[in-house]
Amino acid sequence: MAFIDEADIKATAGRGGDGVVRWLHEKGREYGGPSGGNGGKGGSVHARAVRDVSALARFRHVKTFKAQRGESGKSKLMHGAAGEDLIIDVPIGSVIVNKHTDERFELLREDEKVLLLLGGAGGLGNAHFKSSVNQGPKEFTSGADGESASFYIELQLIADAGLIGLPNAGKSSLLNALTRANARVGSYAFTTLEPNLGVMHGLILADIPGLIEGAAEGKGLGHKFLRHIKRTRVLVHCISLEQEDVLGTYRTVRAELKKYHSDLLQKKEIIVLMKTDLVDSEIYAERAKLIKKETGEEAFGVSILDDASVKKFGDALARVLQKGNDGNSH
């Protein structure tokens, strides 16, 4: 199933049930007192966060949702039952925008629930209108319509670490090596067409699709996925040593992050020089030195062909993530 990270839907809360005109049937009287009950409230519409990153896929084919209508009132002063609420499941990290009011909801925790639309009030039965001057009321009111609106839903992944870099930087391969995520790997320009997720020691890692220069302005595929970096705690910059200008590559990715949202530059970052098997030790040392001079931090060298280098990096990443709140948490 394809990864869907945005959707447009329309939802309508339930209409309230109608009030009714009813009379008590008493022996010897054509009509007893009024006994028409009120209608039940219409069902409301809620959104609920679930731990299923593919939950938006259902909206590819089902785009209209409606909560249950309230039941009409009954005789003997019995009110109608309320309509059942409708709960729409969305992935944790979803942002829901009401297109009519611009009201915005963010669901960041599992089972978190928000009210999107309120069900209509039930109508009033004739018993409600009885008074000292109106012993036999025939008045009633109909149930009110429930609220209705169109919504835009956007998923912003919540991950402990996001692997970022230019196409072919080796992100998918690194994710596979660290988590056995089985992400697709290829040698063409846009290997990753959607974020891939993996779990390492209970920590969620996300391989963000390859950025290219101009991604923040909509060039290539990267702009659609920059949103998924916003809530990651740590950014892992993957730079392939196939790139002679590793510093330029690092700066290009940073520039795209800044154009999209300058706050991204404040996140904790780790630099990984990938594919160390493709260069000799002197070239690697020279490029690692450039990165340290630029960032003040040591870069990690990793080759997917070298299990020891993968383990060393994985252990170091886990230590950073397990420190908990480092000031850059989502």
C-alpha atoms as a PDB file:
ATOM      1  CA  MET A   1       0.000   0.000   0.000  1.00  0.00           C
ATOM      2  CA  ALA A   2       1.328   3.428  -0.965  1.00  0.00           C
ATOM      3  CA  PHE A   3       2.335   5.836   1.766  1.00  0.00           C
ATOM      4  CA  ILE A   4      -0.204   8.665   1.997  1.00  0.00           C
ATOM      5  CA  ASP A   5       0.759  11.701   4.058  1.00  0.00           C
ATOM      6  CA  GLU A   6      -1.992  14.152   3.143  1.00  0.00           C
ATOM      7  CA  ALA A   7      -5.707  13.929   2.467  1.00  0.00           C
ATOM      8  CA  ASP A   8      -8.811  15.998   1.900  1.00  0.00           C
ATOM      9  CA  ILE A   9     -12.086  14.811   3.406  1.00  0.00           C
ATOM     10  CA  LYS A  10     -15.558  16.128   4.141  1.00  0.00           C
ATOM     11  CA  ALA A  11     -17.373  15.258   7.354  1.00  0.00           C
ATOM     12  CA  THR A  12     -20.832  15.964   8.703  1.00  0.00           C
ATOM     13  CA  ALA A  13     -22.029  15.559  12.256  1.00  0.00           C
ATOM     14  CA  GLY A  14     -25.402  13.878  12.803  1.00  0.00           C
ATOM     15  CA  ARG A  15     -28.643  15.780  12.627  1.00  0.00           C
ATOM     16  CA  GLY A  16     -30.636  15.880  15.848  1.00  0.00           C
ATOM     17  CA  GLY A  17     -33.736  13.746  16.058  1.00  0.00           C
ATOM     18  CA  ASP A  18     -37.113  15.470  15.734  1.00  0.00           C
ATOM     19  CA  GLY A  19     -39.366  16.164  18.652  1.00  0.00           C
ATOM     20  CA  VAL A  20     -42.799  14.572  18.315  1.00  0.00           C
ATOM     21  CA  VAL A  21     -46.427  15.259  19.159  1.00  0.00           C
ATOM     22  CA  ARG A  22     -47.880  12.442  21.233  1.00  0.00           C
ATOM     23  CA  TRP A  23     -50.702  12.148  23.753  1.00  0.00           C
ATOM     24  CA  LEU A  24     -51.343  10.027  26.755  1.00  0.00           C
ATOM     25  CA  HIS A  25     -54.224   7.680  26.083  1.00  0.00           C
ATOM     26  CA  GLU A  26     -56.475   7.640  29.119  1.00  0.00           C
ATOM     27  CA  LYS A  27     -59.714   5.746  29.467  1.00  0.00           C
ATOM     28  CA  GLY A  28     -62.723   7.950  28.928  1.00  0.00           C
ATOM     29  CA  ARG A  29     -60.714  10.799  27.349  1.00  0.00           C
ATOM     30  CA  GLU A  30     -60.037  11.328  23.669  1.00  0.00           C
ATOM     31  CA  TYR A  31     -56.706  12.890  24.532  1.00  0.00           C
ATOM     32  CA  GLY A  32     -54.752  12.806  27.746  1.00  0.00           C
ATOM     33  CA  GLY A  33     -51.891  15.141  28.438  1.00  0.00           C
ATOM     34  CA  PRO A  34     -49.041  15.777  25.999  1.00  0.00           C
ATOM     35  CA  SER A  35     -46.410  13.002  26.067  1.00  0.00           C
ATOM     36  CA  GLY A  36     -44.207  13.660  23.054  1.00  0.00           C
ATOM     37  CA  GLY A  37     -40.528  13.280  23.892  1.00  0.00           C
ATOM     38  CA  ASN A  38     -37.540  15.218  22.640  1.00  0.00           C
ATOM     39  CA  GLY A  39     -35.326  14.014  19.825  1.00  0.00           C
ATOM     40  CA  GLY A  40     -31.861  12.670  20.556  1.00  0.00           C
ATOM     41  CA  LYS A  41     -28.700  14.673  19.877  1.00  0.00           C
ATOM     42  CA  GLY A  42     -26.915  13.919  16.630  1.00  0.00           C
ATOM     43  CA  GLY A  43     -23.569  12.163  16.758  1.00  0.00           C
ATOM     44  CA  SER A  44     -20.458  14.342  16.800  1.00  0.00           C
ATOM     45  CA  VAL A  45     -17.323  13.822  14.725  1.00  0.00           C
ATOM     46  CA  HIS A  46     -13.973  13.239  16.449  1.00  0.00           C
ATOM     47  CA  ALA A  47     -10.463  12.534  15.194  1.00  0.00           C
ATOM     48  CA  ARG A  48      -8.284  10.042  17.069  1.00  0.00           C
ATOM     49  CA  ALA A  49      -4.537   9.468  16.814  1.00  0.00           C
ATOM     50  CA  VAL A  50      -3.471   5.873  16.193  1.00  0.00           C
ATOM     51  CA  ARG A  51      -0.072   4.225  15.887  1.00  0.00           C
ATOM     52  CA  ASP A  52      -0.481   3.440  12.190  1.00  0.00           C
ATOM     53  CA  VAL A  53       1.546   5.515   9.759  1.00  0.00           C
ATOM     54  CA  SER A  54      -0.575   4.235   6.849  1.00  0.00           C
ATOM     55  CA  ALA A  55      -3.937   5.238   8.351  1.00  0.00           C
ATOM     56  CA  LEU A  56      -4.475   8.018   5.796  1.00  0.00           C
ATOM     57  CA  ALA A  57      -4.470   5.491   2.959  1.00  0.00           C
ATOM     58  CA  ARG A  58      -8.171   4.775   3.516  1.00  0.00           C
ATOM     59  CA  PHE A  59      -8.953   8.347   2.433  1.00  0.00           C
ATOM     60  CA  ARG A  60      -7.835   7.631  -1.125  1.00  0.00           C
ATOM     61  CA  HIS A  61     -11.201   6.041  -1.796  1.00  0.00           C
ATOM     62  CA  VAL A  62     -13.429   7.147   1.080  1.00  0.00           C
ATOM     63  CA  LYS A  63     -13.568  10.934   1.371  1.00  0.00           C
ATOM     64  CA  THR A  64     -16.994  11.609   2.874  1.00  0.00           C
ATOM     65  CA  PHE A  65     -17.945  10.790   6.465  1.00  0.00           C
ATOM     66  CA  LYS A  66     -21.174  11.264   8.357  1.00  0.00           C
ATOM     67  CA  ALA A  67     -22.068  10.678  11.989  1.00  0.00           C
ATOM     68  CA  GLN A  68     -25.326   9.012  12.970  1.00  0.00           C
ATOM     69  CA  ARG A  69     -28.530  10.988  13.239  1.00  0.00           C
ATOM     70  CA  GLY A  70     -30.306  11.262  16.582  1.00  0.00           C
ATOM     71  CA  GLU A  71     -33.461   9.252  17.046  1.00  0.00           C
ATOM     72  CA  SER A  72     -36.817  11.026  17.031  1.00  0.00           C
ATOM     73  CA  GLY A  73     -38.678  11.385  20.297  1.00  0.00           C
ATOM     74  CA  LYS A  74     -41.239   8.828  21.403  1.00  0.00           C
ATOM     75  CA  SER A  75     -44.490   8.747  23.297  1.00  0.00           C
ATOM     76  CA  LYS A  76     -44.799   8.523  27.058  1.00  0.00           C
ATOM     77  CA  LEU A  77     -42.251  11.331  27.459  1.00  0.00           C
ATOM     78  CA  MET A  78     -39.452   9.120  26.139  1.00  0.00           C
ATOM     79  CA  HIS A  79     -36.595  10.923  24.456  1.00  0.00           C
ATOM     80  CA  GLY A  80     -34.936   9.570  21.348  1.00  0.00           C
ATOM     81  CA  ALA A  81     -31.509   7.991  21.619  1.00  0.00           C
ATOM     82  CA  ALA A  82     -28.483  10.102  20.749  1.00  0.00           C
ATOM     83  CA  GLY A  83     -26.759   9.336  17.474  1.00  0.00           C
ATOM     84  CA  GLU A  84     -23.481   7.437  17.697  1.00  0.00           C
ATOM     85  CA  ASP A  85     -20.376   9.597  17.446  1.00  0.00           C
ATOM     86  CA  LEU A  86     -18.099   9.092  14.460  1.00  0.00           C
ATOM     87  CA  ILE A  87     -14.395   8.624  15.184  1.00  0.00           C
ATOM     88  CA  ILE A  88     -11.951   9.157  12.322  1.00  0.00           C
ATOM     89  CA  ASP A  89      -8.561   7.534  12.919  1.00  0.00           C
ATOM     90  CA  VAL A  90      -5.460   9.391  11.741  1.00  0.00           C
ATOM     91  CA  PRO A  91      -1.752   8.670  12.325  1.00  0.00           C
ATOM     92  CA  ILE A  92       0.026  10.146  15.329  1.00  0.00           C
ATOM     93  CA  GLY A  93       1.578  13.396  14.149  1.00  0.00           C
ATOM     94  CA  SER A  94      -1.368  14.444  11.984  1.00  0.00           C
ATOM     95  CA  VAL A  95      -2.341  18.088  11.607  1.00  0.00           C
ATOM     96  CA  ILE A  96      -6.012  18.618  10.748  1.00  0.00           C
ATOM     97  CA  VAL A  97      -7.197  21.966   9.367  1.00  0.00           C
ATOM     98  CA  ASN A  98     -10.854  22.936   9.096  1.00  0.00           C
ATOM     99  CA  LYS A  99     -11.005  24.597   5.677  1.00  0.00           C
ATOM    100  CA  HIS A 100     -14.056  26.645   6.646  1.00  0.00           C
ATOM    101  CA  THR A 101     -12.765  28.143   9.878  1.00  0.00           C
ATOM    102  CA  ASP A 102      -8.981  27.614   9.619  1.00  0.00           C
ATOM    103  CA  GLU A 103      -9.134  25.952  13.046  1.00  0.00           C
ATOM    104  CA  ARG A 104      -6.136  23.680  13.437  1.00  0.00           C
ATOM    105  CA  PHE A 105      -5.731  20.508  15.476  1.00  0.00           C
ATOM    106  CA  GLU A 106      -2.521  18.567  16.166  1.00  0.00           C
ATOM    107  CA  LEU A 107      -2.616  15.013  17.443  1.00  0.00           C
ATOM    108  CA  LEU A 108       0.738  14.084  18.958  1.00  0.00           C
ATOM    109  CA  ARG A 109      -0.059  11.238  21.361  1.00  0.00           C
ATOM    110  CA  GLU A 110      -1.566   7.813  20.822  1.00  0.00           C
ATOM    111  CA  ASP A 111      -5.333   7.721  21.489  1.00  0.00           C
ATOM    112  CA  GLU A 112      -5.476  11.523  21.734  1.00  0.00           C
ATOM    113  CA  LYS A 113      -8.924  12.615  20.556  1.00  0.00           C
ATOM    114  CA  VAL A 114     -10.250  16.003  19.405  1.00  0.00           C
ATOM    115  CA  LEU A 115     -13.760  17.184  18.602  1.00  0.00           C
ATOM    116  CA  LEU A 116     -14.037  18.266  14.977  1.00  0.00           C
ATOM    117  CA  LEU A 117     -17.779  18.779  14.529  1.00  0.00           C
ATOM    118  CA  LEU A 118     -20.651  18.972  16.988  1.00  0.00           C
ATOM    119  CA  GLY A 119     -23.809  16.974  16.449  1.00  0.00           C
ATOM    120  CA  GLY A 120     -27.121  18.812  16.056  1.00  0.00           C
ATOM    121  CA  ALA A 121     -29.408  19.344  19.044  1.00  0.00           C
ATOM    122  CA  GLY A 122     -32.510  17.216  19.282  1.00  0.00           C
ATOM    123  CA  GLY A 123     -35.889  18.799  18.648  1.00  0.00           C
ATOM    124  CA  LEU A 124     -38.441  19.370  21.378  1.00  0.00           C
ATOM    125  CA  GLY A 125     -41.558  17.250  21.777  1.00  0.00           C
ATOM    126  CA  ASN A 126     -44.954  18.698  22.603  1.00  0.00           C
ATOM    127  CA  ALA A 127     -44.613  17.775  26.261  1.00  0.00           C
ATOM    128  CA  HIS A 128     -41.952  20.470  26.505  1.00  0.00           C
ATOM    129  CA  PHE A 129     -44.489  23.151  25.596  1.00  0.00           C
ATOM    130  CA  LYS A 130     -47.099  22.298  28.220  1.00  0.00           C
ATOM    131  CA  SER A 131     -47.881  25.196  30.557  1.00  0.00           C
ATOM    132  CA  SER A 132     -50.659  26.464  32.742  1.00  0.00           C
ATOM    133  CA  VAL A 133     -52.155  28.313  29.798  1.00  0.00           C
ATOM    134  CA  ASN A 134     -51.397  25.633  27.212  1.00  0.00           C
ATOM    135  CA  GLN A 135     -52.538  22.254  28.479  1.00  0.00           C
ATOM    136  CA  GLY A 136     -52.731  20.623  25.061  1.00  0.00           C
ATOM    137  CA  PRO A 137     -49.762  21.922  23.053  1.00  0.00           C
ATOM    138  CA  LYS A 138     -49.354  20.719  19.503  1.00  0.00           C
ATOM    139  CA  GLU A 139     -46.019  22.452  19.024  1.00  0.00           C
ATOM    140  CA  PHE A 140     -42.808  20.556  18.383  1.00  0.00           C
ATOM    141  CA  THR A 141     -39.458  21.403  16.828  1.00  0.00           C
ATOM    142  CA  SER A 142     -37.330  19.531  14.349  1.00  0.00           C
ATOM    143  CA  GLY A 143     -33.816  18.411  15.119  1.00  0.00           C
ATOM    144  CA  ALA A 144     -30.988  20.776  14.191  1.00  0.00           C
ATOM    145  CA  ASP A 145     -28.460  19.969  11.514  1.00  0.00           C
ATOM    146  CA  GLY A 146     -25.027  18.834  12.685  1.00  0.00           C
ATOM    147  CA  GLU A 147     -21.971  20.868  11.807  1.00  0.00           C
ATOM    148  CA  SER A 148     -20.317  20.128   8.490  1.00  0.00           C
ATOM    149  CA  ALA A 149     -16.914  21.032   7.083  1.00  0.00           C
ATOM    150  CA  SER A 150     -14.124  20.011   4.758  1.00  0.00           C
ATOM    151  CA  PHE A 151     -10.755  19.172   6.286  1.00  0.00           C
ATOM    152  CA  TYR A 152      -7.171  18.981   5.087  1.00  0.00           C
ATOM    153  CA  ILE A 153      -5.119  16.375   6.932  1.00  0.00           C
ATOM    154  CA  GLU A 154      -1.336  16.435   6.813  1.00  0.00           C
ATOM    155  CA  LEU A 155       0.922  13.895   8.464  1.00  0.00           C
ATOM    156  CA  GLN A 156       4.163  15.104   9.991  1.00  0.00           C
ATOM    157  CA  LEU A 157       6.034  12.035  11.130  1.00  0.00           C
ATOM    158  CA  ILE A 158       7.186  11.870  14.723  1.00  0.00           C
ATOM    159  CA  ALA A 159      10.522  10.104  14.824  1.00  0.00           C
ATOM    160  CA  ASP A 160      13.453  10.045  17.220  1.00  0.00           C
ATOM    161  CA  ALA A 161      15.913  10.540  14.371  1.00  0.00           C
ATOM    162  CA  GLY A 162      15.520  11.539  10.755  1.00  0.00           C
ATOM    163  CA  LEU A 163      18.091  10.474   8.158  1.00  0.00           C
ATOM    164  CA  ILE A 164      18.529  13.275   5.633  1.00  0.00           C
ATOM    165  CA  GLY A 165      20.807  13.974   2.704  1.00  0.00           C
ATOM    166  CA  LEU A 166      20.997  14.242  -1.051  1.00  0.00           C
ATOM    167  CA  PRO A 167      19.750  11.387  -3.249  1.00  0.00           C
ATOM    168  CA  ASN A 168      21.986   8.301  -3.146  1.00  0.00           C
ATOM    169  CA  ALA A 169      23.575   9.344   0.142  1.00  0.00           C
ATOM    170  CA  GLY A 170      22.986   5.827   1.483  1.00  0.00           C
ATOM    171  CA  LYS A 171      20.162   6.634   3.898  1.00  0.00           C
ATOM    172  CA  SER A 172      17.965   3.662   2.997  1.00  0.00           C
ATOM    173  CA  SER A 173      20.904   1.292   3.231  1.00  0.00           C
ATOM    174  CA  LEU A 174      21.855   2.674   6.631  1.00  0.00           C
ATOM    175  CA  LEU A 175      18.264   2.400   7.875  1.00  0.00           C
ATOM    176  CA  ASN A 176      18.139  -1.220   6.717  1.00  0.00           C
ATOM    177  CA  ALA A 177      21.432  -1.997   8.428  1.00  0.00           C
ATOM    178  CA  LEU A 178      20.358  -0.398  11.709  1.00  0.00           C
ATOM    179  CA  THR A 179      16.759  -1.596  11.874  1.00  0.00           C
ATOM    180  CA  ARG A 180      16.133  -4.271   9.228  1.00  0.00           C
ATOM    181  CA  ALA A 181      13.433  -1.999   7.810  1.00  0.00           C
ATOM    182  CA  ASN A 182      13.717  -3.491   4.297  1.00  0.00           C
ATOM    183  CA  ALA A 183      13.567  -0.073   2.682  1.00  0.00           C
ATOM    184  CA  ARG A 184      13.938  -0.092  -1.089  1.00  0.00           C
ATOM    185  CA  VAL A 185      17.449   0.671  -2.275  1.00  0.00           C
ATOM    186  CA  GLY A 186      18.443   1.770  -5.767  1.00  0.00           C
ATOM    187  CA  SER A 187      21.054   3.713  -7.659  1.00  0.00           C
ATOM    188  CA  TYR A 188      18.787   6.199  -9.443  1.00  0.00           C
ATOM    189  CA  ALA A 189      18.234   9.815  -8.453  1.00  0.00           C
ATOM    190  CA  PHE A 190      15.102   9.431  -6.353  1.00  0.00           C
ATOM    191  CA  THR A 191      15.447   6.069  -4.690  1.00  0.00           C
ATOM    192  CA  THR A 192      13.143   6.830  -1.771  1.00  0.00           C
ATOM    193  CA  LEU A 193       9.754   8.094  -2.883  1.00  0.00           C
ATOM    194  CA  GLU A 194       8.297   8.018   0.601  1.00  0.00           C
ATOM    195  CA  PRO A 195       9.614   8.062   4.163  1.00  0.00           C
ATOM    196  CA  ASN A 196      10.644   4.665   5.465  1.00  0.00           C
ATOM    197  CA  LEU A 197      10.485   3.853   9.141  1.00  0.00           C
ATOM    198  CA  GLY A 198      12.482   1.462  11.265  1.00  0.00           C
ATOM    199  CA  VAL A 199      12.858   0.715  14.959  1.00  0.00           C
ATOM    200  CA  MET A 200      16.207   0.417  16.732  1.00  0.00           C
ATOM    201  CA  HIS A 201      16.169  -0.435  20.457  1.00  0.00           C
ATOM    202  CA  GLY A 202      12.636   0.937  20.639  1.00  0.00           C
ATOM    203  CA  LEU A 203      13.657   4.188  18.930  1.00  0.00           C
ATOM    204  CA  ILE A 204      11.977   5.254  15.690  1.00  0.00           C
ATOM    205  CA  LEU A 205      14.235   6.156  12.784  1.00  0.00           C
ATOM    206  CA  ALA A 206      12.879   7.727   9.605  1.00  0.00           C
ATOM    207  CA  ASP A 207      14.630   7.762   6.247  1.00  0.00           C
ATOM    208  CA  ILE A 208      13.490  11.058   4.711  1.00  0.00           C
ATOM    209  CA  PRO A 209      13.392  11.132   0.875  1.00  0.00           C
ATOM    210  CA  GLY A 210      16.420  12.628  -0.834  1.00  0.00           C
ATOM    211  CA  LEU A 211      16.630  16.389  -0.912  1.00  0.00           C
ATOM    212  CA  ILE A 212      17.978  18.302  -3.856  1.00  0.00           C
ATOM    213  CA  GLU A 213      18.964  21.935  -4.146  1.00  0.00           C
ATOM    214  CA  GLY A 214      15.741  23.878  -4.574  1.00  0.00           C
ATOM    215  CA  ALA A 215      13.619  21.363  -2.660  1.00  0.00           C
ATOM    216  CA  ALA A 216      12.224  24.045  -0.367  1.00  0.00           C
ATOM    217  CA  GLU A 217      10.829  25.852  -3.443  1.00  0.00           C
ATOM    218  CA  GLY A 218       9.190  22.692  -4.719  1.00  0.00           C
ATOM    219  CA  LYS A 219      11.892  21.297  -6.982  1.00  0.00           C
ATOM    220  CA  GLY A 220      12.069  17.515  -7.119  1.00  0.00           C
ATOM    221  CA  LEU A 221      10.421  15.393  -4.456  1.00  0.00           C
ATOM    222  CA  GLY A 222      12.079  16.692  -1.326  1.00  0.00           C
ATOM    223  CA  HIS A 223       9.690  19.574  -0.633  1.00  0.00           C
ATOM    224  CA  LYS A 224       6.797  17.193  -0.002  1.00  0.00           C
ATOM    225  CA  PHE A 225       8.739  15.495   2.762  1.00  0.00           C
ATOM    226  CA  LEU A 226      10.558  18.331   4.479  1.00  0.00           C
ATOM    227  CA  ARG A 227       7.540  18.503   6.809  1.00  0.00           C
ATOM    228  CA  HIS A 228       8.544  15.109   8.194  1.00  0.00           C
ATOM    229  CA  ILE A 229      11.765  16.558   9.572  1.00  0.00           C
ATOM    230  CA  LYS A 230       9.974  19.117  11.745  1.00  0.00           C
ATOM    231  CA  ARG A 231       9.214  16.751  14.605  1.00  0.00           C
ATOM    232  CA  THR A 232      12.332  14.619  14.633  1.00  0.00           C
ATOM    233  CA  ARG A 233      14.538  14.999  17.696  1.00  0.00           C
ATOM    234  CA  VAL A 234      17.847  14.450  15.952  1.00  0.00           C
ATOM    235  CA  LEU A 235      18.876  14.972  12.327  1.00  0.00           C
ATOM    236  CA  VAL A 236      21.359  12.497  10.899  1.00  0.00           C
ATOM    237  CA  HIS A 237      23.109  14.065   7.899  1.00  0.00           C
ATOM    238  CA  CYS A 238      24.214  11.313   5.543  1.00  0.00           C
ATOM    239  CA  ILE A 239      26.892  12.450   3.097  1.00  0.00           C
ATOM    240  CA  SER A 240      28.208  10.033   0.520  1.00  0.00           C
ATOM    241  CA  LEU A 241      31.970  10.037   0.056  1.00  0.00           C
ATOM    242  CA  GLU A 242      31.234   9.713  -3.644  1.00  0.00           C
ATOM    243  CA  GLN A 243      30.750  13.470  -3.332  1.00  0.00           C
ATOM    244  CA  GLU A 244      34.146  15.139  -3.575  1.00  0.00           C
ATOM    245  CA  ASP A 245      32.812  18.335  -2.025  1.00  0.00           C
ATOM    246  CA  VAL A 246      31.438  16.975   1.226  1.00  0.00           C
ATOM    247  CA  LEU A 247      31.326  20.429   2.768  1.00  0.00           C
ATOM    248  CA  GLY A 248      29.334  21.822  -0.141  1.00  0.00           C
ATOM    249  CA  THR A 249      26.924  18.898   0.144  1.00  0.00           C
ATOM    250  CA  TYR A 250      26.447  19.510   3.855  1.00  0.00           C
ATOM    251  CA  ARG A 251      25.842  23.210   3.259  1.00  0.00           C
ATOM    252  CA  THR A 252      23.346  22.504   0.478  1.00  0.00           C
ATOM    253  CA  VAL A 253      21.218  20.351   2.743  1.00  0.00           C
ATOM    254  CA  ARG A 254      21.423  22.881   5.572  1.00  0.00           C
ATOM    255  CA  ALA A 255      20.381  25.655   3.181  1.00  0.00           C
ATOM    256  CA  GLU A 256      17.278  23.726   2.165  1.00  0.00           C
ATOM    257  CA  LEU A 257      16.369  23.140   5.797  1.00  0.00           C
ATOM    258  CA  LYS A 258      16.739  26.842   6.532  1.00  0.00           C
ATOM    259  CA  LYS A 259      14.566  27.845   3.583  1.00  0.00           C
ATOM    260  CA  TYR A 260      11.826  25.518   4.716  1.00  0.00           C
ATOM    261  CA  HIS A 261      11.952  26.430   8.414  1.00  0.00           C
ATOM    262  CA  SER A 262      14.901  28.041  10.185  1.00  0.00           C
ATOM    263  CA  ASP A 263      14.063  26.212  13.434  1.00  0.00           C
ATOM    264  CA  LEU A 264      15.302  23.000  11.815  1.00  0.00           C
ATOM    265  CA  LEU A 265      18.845  24.311  12.090  1.00  0.00           C
ATOM    266  CA  GLN A 266      18.531  24.323  15.876  1.00  0.00           C
ATOM    267  CA  LYS A 267      18.015  20.575  16.126  1.00  0.00           C
ATOM    268  CA  LYS A 268      20.727  18.249  17.348  1.00  0.00           C
ATOM    269  CA  GLU A 269      22.602  16.893  14.338  1.00  0.00           C
ATOM    270  CA  ILE A 270      24.984  14.044  13.686  1.00  0.00           C
ATOM    271  CA  ILE A 271      27.114  13.832  10.548  1.00  0.00           C
ATOM    272  CA  VAL A 272      27.769  10.474   8.900  1.00  0.00           C
ATOM    273  CA  LEU A 273      30.206  10.089   6.027  1.00  0.00           C
ATOM    274  CA  MET A 274      28.802   7.137   4.100  1.00  0.00           C
ATOM    275  CA  LYS A 275      30.484   4.630   1.795  1.00  0.00           C
ATOM    276  CA  THR A 276      33.920   4.802   3.406  1.00  0.00           C
ATOM    277  CA  ASP A 277      34.834   1.694   1.402  1.00  0.00           C
ATOM    278  CA  LEU A 278      34.967   3.825  -1.758  1.00  0.00           C
ATOM    279  CA  VAL A 279      37.890   6.060  -0.668  1.00  0.00           C
ATOM    280  CA  ASP A 280      41.254   5.468   0.920  1.00  0.00           C
ATOM    281  CA  SER A 281      41.969   6.432   4.507  1.00  0.00           C
ATOM    282  CA  GLU A 282      43.798   9.657   3.623  1.00  0.00           C
ATOM    283  CA  ILE A 283      40.882  11.041   1.608  1.00  0.00           C
ATOM    284  CA  TYR A 284      38.462  10.051   4.346  1.00  0.00           C
ATOM    285  CA  ALA A 285      40.573  11.758   7.024  1.00  0.00           C
ATOM    286  CA  GLU A 286      40.853  14.918   4.936  1.00  0.00           C
ATOM    287  CA  ARG A 287      37.086  15.146   4.391  1.00  0.00           C
ATOM    288  CA  ALA A 288      36.270  14.311   7.995  1.00  0.00           C
ATOM    289  CA  LYS A 289      38.591  17.127   9.059  1.00  0.00           C
ATOM    290  CA  LEU A 290      36.664  19.593   6.868  1.00  0.00           C
ATOM    291  CA  ILE A 291      33.399  18.572   8.496  1.00  0.00           C
ATOM    292  CA  LYS A 292      34.819  18.943  12.002  1.00  0.00           C
ATOM    293  CA  LYS A 293      36.173  22.387  11.194  1.00  0.00           C
ATOM    294  CA  GLU A 294      32.737  23.416   9.888  1.00  0.00           C
ATOM    295  CA  THR A 295      30.593  21.910  12.639  1.00  0.00           C
ATOM    296  CA  GLY A 296      32.910  21.450  15.597  1.00  0.00           C
ATOM    297  CA  GLU A 297      31.813  17.815  15.791  1.00  0.00           C
ATOM    298  CA  GLU A 298      33.465  14.569  14.782  1.00  0.00           C
ATOM    299  CA  ALA A 299      31.838  12.856  11.809  1.00  0.00           C
ATOM    300  CA  PHE A 300      31.131   9.139  11.851  1.00  0.00           C
ATOM    301  CA  GLY A 301      32.466   7.011   9.033  1.00  0.00           C
ATOM    302  CA  VAL A 302      30.216   4.172   7.932  1.00  0.00           C
ATOM    303  CA  SER A 303      30.305   1.500   5.276  1.00  0.00           C
ATOM    304  CA  ILE A 304      27.332  -0.810   4.952  1.00  0.00           C
ATOM    305  CA  LEU A 305      29.881  -3.505   4.049  1.00  0.00           C
ATOM    306  CA  ASP A 306      31.575  -3.083   7.418  1.00  0.00           C
ATOM    307  CA  ASP A 307      29.372  -4.374  10.242  1.00  0.00           C
ATOM    308  CA  ALA A 308      31.685  -2.940  12.882  1.00  0.00           C
ATOM    309  CA  SER A 309      31.279   0.617  11.576  1.00  0.00           C
ATOM    310  CA  VAL A 310      27.487   0.224  11.442  1.00  0.00           C
ATOM    311  CA  LYS A 311      27.376  -1.083  15.011  1.00  0.00           C
ATOM    312  CA  LYS A 312      29.644   1.665  16.288  1.00  0.00           C
ATOM    313  CA  PHE A 313      27.434   4.335  14.774  1.00  0.00           C
ATOM    314  CA  GLY A 314      24.204   2.627  15.884  1.00  0.00           C
ATOM    315  CA  ASP A 315      25.424   2.422  19.480  1.00  0.00           C
ATOM    316  CA  ALA A 316      26.457   6.081  19.461  1.00  0.00           C
ATOM    317  CA  LEU A 317      23.120   7.161  17.972  1.00  0.00           C
ATOM    318  CA  ALA A 318      21.200   5.155  20.567  1.00  0.00           C
ATOM    319  CA  ARG A 319      23.160   6.819  23.371  1.00  0.00           C
ATOM    320  CA  VAL A 320      22.304  10.275  22.034  1.00  0.00           C
ATOM    321  CA  LEU A 321      18.617   9.456  21.607  1.00  0.00           C
ATOM    322  CA  GLN A 322      18.273   7.732  24.953  1.00  0.00           C
ATOM    323  CA  LYS A 323      19.465  10.789  26.818  1.00  0.00           C
ATOM    324  CA  GLY A 324      15.876  11.950  26.505  1.00  0.00           C
ATOM    325  CA  ASN A 325      15.095  15.603  26.212  1.00  0.00           C
ATOM    326  CA  ASP A 326      18.150  17.330  24.792  1.00  0.00           C
ATOM    327  CA  GLY A 327      16.418  20.618  24.103  1.00  0.00           C
ATOM    328  CA  ASN A 328      15.630  19.651  20.547  1.00  0.00           C
ATOM    329  CA  SER A 329      12.731  17.286  21.135  1.00  0.00           C
ATOM    330  CA  HIS A 330       9.583  17.535  19.074  1.00  0.00           C
END
